[in-house]
């Protein structure tokens, strides 16, 4: 084997794993945002990735603070890089965990999770007692 051939093979061995690692979907944004605090419960959960995802190999799960499943409507495609599901019913105040799974063109599923908080509604302001006039 010549030095050139050995160098070429070594270069390919180094570059190939990096190229494959980049081929997996990576979460770039979500709604609600990760670690966000919401005054109003969301009506849908959406996740967007750095590359096209295959809806048939993707999944969204919503869990409450005790990690019990919360009902979501069927998964839909927002565009080629985004998928979403509407919440069923109103979410009570508390912490929620979104677990996602997405697969790109290579079919390999990537998984992750993030949380958000639905804040309790603020208590109404009490009117100060009227001060008697003198």
Protein backbone atom coordinates (compact mmCIF):
# COMPACT_ATOMS: atom_id res chain seq x y z
CA UNK A 1 0.00 0.00 0.00
CA UNK A 2 1.39 3.39 -0.93
CA UNK A 3 1.58 6.30 1.48
CA UNK A 4 -0.99 8.15 -0.59
CA UNK A 5 -3.48 5.24 -0.37
CA UNK A 6 -2.90 4.89 3.38
CA UNK A 7 -3.43 8.63 3.89
CA UNK A 8 -6.60 8.54 1.79
CA UNK A 9 -8.00 5.61 3.76
CA UNK A 10 -7.12 7.29 7.07
CA UNK A 11 -8.81 10.53 5.94
CA UNK A 12 -11.95 8.65 4.98
CA UNK A 13 -11.97 6.78 8.31
CA UNK A 14 -11.84 10.09 10.16
CA UNK A 15 -14.36 11.97 7.99
CA UNK A 16 -17.00 9.23 7.55
CA UNK A 17 -18.12 9.04 11.21
CA UNK A 18 -18.37 12.85 11.39
CA UNK A 19 -20.49 12.93 8.25
CA UNK A 20 -22.83 10.24 9.63
CA UNK A 21 -23.16 12.03 12.98
CA UNK A 22 -24.32 15.18 11.22
CA UNK A 23 -27.00 13.21 9.37
CA UNK A 24 -29.20 12.80 12.45
CA UNK A 25 -31.98 15.26 13.27
CA UNK A 26 -31.18 17.73 16.04
CA UNK A 27 -33.86 19.76 17.85
CA UNK A 28 -33.48 23.46 17.01
CA UNK A 29 -36.68 24.93 18.45
CA UNK A 30 -39.85 23.98 20.26
CA UNK A 31 -43.16 25.52 21.22
CA UNK A 32 -43.57 25.91 24.11
CA UNK A 33 -39.91 26.76 24.57
CA UNK A 34 -37.77 24.50 26.74
CA UNK A 35 -37.83 25.59 30.40
CA UNK A 36 -40.42 28.25 29.57
CA UNK A 37 -43.10 29.54 31.92
CA UNK A 38 -46.50 30.07 30.33
CA UNK A 39 -49.35 32.17 31.71
CA UNK A 40 -51.75 30.32 29.40
CA UNK A 41 -51.63 26.58 28.66
CA UNK A 42 -50.55 25.73 25.09
CA UNK A 43 -53.09 24.28 22.65
CA UNK A 44 -50.36 22.39 20.75
CA UNK A 45 -46.81 21.13 21.16
CA UNK A 46 -44.44 21.51 18.19
CA UNK A 47 -40.80 20.62 17.59
CA UNK A 48 -38.53 21.72 14.74
CA UNK A 49 -35.32 20.03 13.65
CA UNK A 50 -32.23 20.96 11.64
CA UNK A 51 -33.18 18.58 8.81
CA UNK A 52 -36.22 16.89 7.29
CA UNK A 53 -37.87 14.31 9.55
CA UNK A 54 -39.97 11.28 8.69
CA UNK A 55 -43.37 11.68 10.35
CA UNK A 56 -44.08 7.92 10.36
CA UNK A 57 -40.95 7.35 12.52
CA UNK A 58 -41.54 10.33 14.81
CA UNK A 59 -43.32 10.59 18.14
CA UNK A 60 -44.37 13.19 20.74
CA UNK A 61 -45.35 12.32 24.30
CA UNK A 62 -46.53 14.80 26.93
CA UNK A 63 -46.16 13.90 30.60
CA UNK A 64 -47.32 15.75 33.70
CA UNK A 65 -45.13 16.43 36.75
CA UNK A 66 -45.63 12.86 38.03
CA UNK A 67 -44.64 11.55 34.56
CA UNK A 68 -48.18 10.38 33.78
CA UNK A 69 -49.18 10.67 30.09
CA UNK A 70 -51.32 13.62 29.04
CA UNK A 71 -53.58 13.11 26.01
CA UNK A 72 -52.43 14.55 22.68
CA UNK A 73 -54.16 14.48 19.31
CA UNK A 74 -52.51 12.59 16.44
CA UNK A 75 -49.12 13.75 15.24
CA UNK A 76 -49.12 16.11 12.23
CA UNK A 77 -46.48 17.54 9.99
CA UNK A 78 -46.06 21.32 10.17
CA UNK A 79 -43.47 21.27 7.37
CA UNK A 80 -40.68 18.88 6.42
CA UNK A 81 -38.66 19.75 9.55
CA UNK A 82 -41.51 20.28 12.04
CA UNK A 83 -44.15 18.08 13.59
CA UNK A 84 -46.82 18.87 16.15
CA UNK A 85 -49.73 17.54 18.16
CA UNK A 86 -52.64 19.43 19.69
CA UNK A 87 -53.37 19.04 23.36
CA UNK A 88 -56.66 17.42 24.29
CA UNK A 89 -58.43 19.31 27.05
CA UNK A 90 -56.97 22.14 29.07
CA UNK A 91 -53.64 21.67 30.83
CA UNK A 92 -53.72 22.39 34.56
CA UNK A 93 -51.02 24.55 36.11
CA UNK A 94 -47.78 22.64 36.74
CA UNK A 95 -44.63 21.25 35.11
CA UNK A 96 -44.90 19.23 31.89
CA UNK A 97 -42.31 17.12 30.09
CA UNK A 98 -42.25 16.74 26.31
CA UNK A 99 -40.53 13.59 25.05
CA UNK A 100 -39.79 13.50 21.33
CA UNK A 101 -38.47 11.01 18.83
CA UNK A 102 -37.50 11.97 15.29
CA UNK A 103 -35.86 10.11 12.43
CA UNK A 104 -34.13 11.71 9.47
CA UNK A 105 -33.34 10.38 6.04
CA UNK A 106 -31.19 7.55 7.42
CA UNK A 107 -34.15 6.22 9.47
CA UNK A 108 -32.17 6.25 12.73
CA UNK A 109 -34.37 7.60 15.56
CA UNK A 110 -33.03 10.34 17.82
CA UNK A 111 -34.71 11.05 21.16
CA UNK A 112 -34.81 13.85 23.67
CA UNK A 113 -36.98 15.70 26.13
CA UNK A 114 -37.57 19.14 27.57
CA UNK A 115 -39.95 20.66 30.08
CA UNK A 116 -42.11 23.73 30.49
CA UNK A 117 -44.34 25.11 33.24
CA UNK A 118 -47.92 26.33 33.04
CA UNK A 119 -48.11 28.92 35.80
CA UNK A 120 -51.13 29.14 38.07
CA UNK A 121 -53.35 32.08 37.23
CA UNK A 122 -52.56 35.17 39.27
CA UNK A 123 -54.97 35.85 42.10
CA UNK A 124 -57.22 38.81 41.36
CA UNK A 125 -56.15 42.03 43.03
CA UNK A 126 -58.27 42.95 45.99
CA UNK A 127 -59.63 46.45 46.02
CA UNK A 128 -58.43 48.40 49.00
CA UNK A 129 -61.11 49.08 51.57
CA UNK A 130 -62.51 52.52 51.07
CA UNK A 131 -61.19 55.08 53.47
CA UNK A 132 -63.94 57.04 55.17
CA UNK A 133 -63.86 60.76 54.45
CA UNK A 134 -63.74 63.22 57.28
